[in-house]
Amino acid sequence: MPQPGSSAQSTCSYRRSWAAGGVTGGHLGFVAQPQNAIEQSTPAPIAPTHHLVVTGLYRYVRNPIYIALVSVTVGQALLFGDGRLLWYGAVVWLAFHLFVVLYEEPTLQLKFGIEYETFRANVPRWIPRLTPWRTA
């Protein structure tokens, strides 16, 4: 057990606060997933959606589920003080980024055209907006 005021205690406190951020980020995925069900959509590439989902958390950021998964991984890395998990989180994010840029976005552009282009121009890919985007 770290002694009060020791650097070990402050490191432990620091890790806990970042881990809480990871848990909070993970909550995004649990909130975004029901939104897909409400919209009768799915995040699975093998069962693509029939209409573009632009409600709920998708008004703030285009990829809330990917952000949630990376946030949980980074939160665990910080909670456990494991640099390998942090590297794993970085690799997972890079894989998501490449998938989104090379496959998902071009596919959505072809399928939904101007509707997706408008959404993409107004909602950021990774860093959430402070206010929700409202369609015209």
Protein backbone atom coordinates (compact mmCIF):
# COMPACT_ATOMS: atom_id res chain seq x y z
CA MET A 1 0.00 0.00 0.00
CA PRO A 2 1.50 3.36 -1.00
CA GLN A 3 2.21 5.79 1.82
CA PRO A 4 0.18 9.05 1.85
CA GLY A 5 1.99 11.76 -0.08
CA SER A 6 4.40 9.33 -1.75
CA SER A 7 5.08 9.37 -5.46
CA ALA A 8 3.64 5.83 -5.63
CA GLN A 9 0.35 7.14 -4.26
CA SER A 10 0.21 9.99 -6.79
CA THR A 11 1.04 7.56 -9.62
CA CYS A 12 -1.74 5.25 -8.43
CA SER A 13 -4.14 8.20 -8.25
CA TYR A 14 -3.10 9.35 -11.72
CA ARG A 15 -3.70 5.86 -13.15
CA ARG A 16 -7.12 5.63 -11.53
CA SER A 17 -8.25 8.95 -12.99
CA TRP A 18 -7.13 7.94 -16.49
CA ALA A 19 -8.72 4.52 -16.06
CA ALA A 20 -11.97 6.22 -15.10
CA GLY A 21 -11.71 8.14 -18.36
CA GLY A 22 -11.31 4.83 -20.19
CA VAL A 23 -14.38 3.42 -18.49
CA THR A 24 -16.31 6.58 -19.38
CA GLY A 25 -15.12 6.27 -22.97
CA GLY A 26 -16.20 2.63 -22.97
CA HIS A 27 -19.64 3.79 -21.93
CA LEU A 28 -19.90 5.48 -25.35
CA GLY A 29 -20.03 2.07 -27.00
CA PHE A 30 -22.81 0.89 -24.74
CA VAL A 31 -24.80 4.04 -25.50
CA ALA A 32 -24.13 3.97 -29.25
CA GLN A 33 -24.98 0.30 -29.70
CA PRO A 34 -28.68 0.63 -28.68
CA GLN A 35 -28.91 3.62 -31.03
CA ASN A 36 -28.04 1.26 -33.87
CA ALA A 37 -30.85 -1.05 -32.78
CA ILE A 38 -33.33 1.81 -32.55
CA GLU A 39 -32.38 2.88 -36.07
CA GLN A 40 -32.65 -0.77 -37.22
CA SER A 41 -29.01 -0.62 -38.19
CA THR A 42 -25.88 -2.57 -37.37
CA PRO A 43 -22.21 -1.68 -36.99
CA ALA A 44 -21.20 -5.03 -38.54
CA PRO A 45 -19.68 -4.78 -42.03
CA ILE A 46 -21.15 -8.21 -42.89
CA ALA A 47 -24.67 -6.88 -42.32
CA PRO A 48 -24.55 -3.29 -43.62
CA THR A 49 -27.16 -0.70 -42.75
CA HIS A 50 -29.88 0.31 -45.20
CA HIS A 51 -29.92 3.94 -44.11
CA LEU A 52 -27.35 6.33 -42.66
CA VAL A 53 -27.55 6.70 -38.85
CA VAL A 54 -27.03 10.37 -37.92
CA THR A 55 -28.74 10.48 -34.52
CA GLY A 56 -27.64 9.89 -30.92
CA LEU A 57 -23.88 9.90 -30.38
CA TYR A 58 -23.38 9.96 -34.15
CA ARG A 59 -24.32 13.65 -34.01
CA TYR A 60 -21.04 14.25 -32.10
CA VAL A 61 -18.57 11.83 -33.69
CA ARG A 62 -18.71 9.41 -36.61
CA ASN A 63 -17.12 6.41 -34.85
CA PRO A 64 -18.27 6.29 -31.20
CA ILE A 65 -18.01 2.50 -30.89
CA TYR A 66 -14.41 2.39 -32.12
CA ILE A 67 -13.55 5.26 -29.75
CA ALA A 68 -15.20 3.38 -26.88
CA LEU A 69 -13.20 0.20 -27.53
CA VAL A 70 -9.88 2.04 -27.70
CA SER A 71 -10.78 4.07 -24.59
CA VAL A 72 -11.45 0.92 -22.58
CA THR A 73 -8.13 -0.58 -23.68
CA VAL A 74 -6.18 2.58 -22.83
CA GLY A 75 -8.04 2.89 -19.51
CA GLN A 76 -7.07 -0.68 -18.60
CA ALA A 77 -3.45 -0.02 -19.60
CA LEU A 78 -3.30 2.99 -17.31
CA LEU A 79 -5.15 1.29 -14.45
CA PHE A 80 -2.80 -1.69 -14.49
CA GLY A 81 0.27 0.34 -15.42
CA ASP A 82 0.94 -1.97 -18.35
CA GLY A 83 2.74 -0.36 -21.28
CA ARG A 84 2.03 -3.40 -23.47
CA LEU A 85 -1.70 -2.73 -23.21
CA LEU A 86 -1.07 0.90 -24.13
CA TRP A 87 0.79 -0.24 -27.26
CA TYR A 88 -2.01 -2.69 -27.99
CA GLY A 89 -4.52 0.19 -27.75
CA ALA A 90 -2.43 2.18 -30.22
CA VAL A 91 -2.30 -0.75 -32.66
CA VAL A 92 -6.06 -1.29 -32.33
CA TRP A 93 -6.71 2.40 -33.01
CA LEU A 94 -4.42 2.29 -36.06
CA ALA A 95 -6.27 -0.77 -37.37
CA PHE A 96 -9.63 0.99 -36.86
CA HIS A 97 -8.30 4.12 -38.55
CA LEU A 98 -7.06 2.22 -41.59
CA PHE A 99 -10.33 0.27 -41.81
CA VAL A 100 -12.39 3.47 -41.60
CA VAL A 101 -10.30 5.42 -44.12
CA LEU A 102 -9.65 2.65 -46.63
CA TYR A 103 -12.93 0.71 -46.53
CA GLU A 104 -15.77 2.13 -44.44
CA GLU A 105 -15.79 5.76 -45.59
CA PRO A 106 -15.46 5.00 -49.34
CA THR A 107 -18.19 2.35 -49.02
CA LEU A 108 -20.55 4.76 -47.23
CA GLN A 109 -19.76 7.47 -49.79
CA LEU A 110 -20.76 5.14 -52.64
CA LYS A 111 -23.87 3.90 -50.89
CA PHE A 112 -25.25 7.17 -49.46
CA GLY A 113 -23.64 9.84 -51.69
CA ILE A 114 -24.43 13.44 -50.79
CA GLU A 115 -26.13 12.44 -47.51
CA TYR A 116 -22.89 10.88 -46.25
CA GLU A 117 -20.75 13.70 -47.65
CA THR A 118 -22.82 16.25 -45.67
CA PHE A 119 -22.56 14.12 -42.53
CA ARG A 120 -18.81 13.68 -43.01
CA ALA A 121 -18.29 17.41 -43.53
CA ASN A 122 -20.10 18.26 -40.29
CA VAL A 123 -19.19 15.46 -37.87
CA PRO A 124 -15.55 14.65 -37.04
CA ARG A 125 -14.12 11.16 -37.41
CA TRP A 126 -12.35 10.79 -34.02
CA ILE A 127 -12.53 13.93 -31.83
CA PRO A 128 -16.15 14.57 -30.77
CA ARG A 129 -17.89 17.89 -31.41
CA LEU A 130 -18.87 19.91 -28.34
CA THR A 131 -22.40 20.45 -29.63
CA PRO A 132 -24.57 17.97 -31.52
CA TRP A 133 -24.81 18.31 -35.28
CA ARG A 134 -28.33 18.97 -36.49
CA THR A 135 -29.39 17.97 -39.96
CA ALA A 136 -31.03 20.62 -42.10
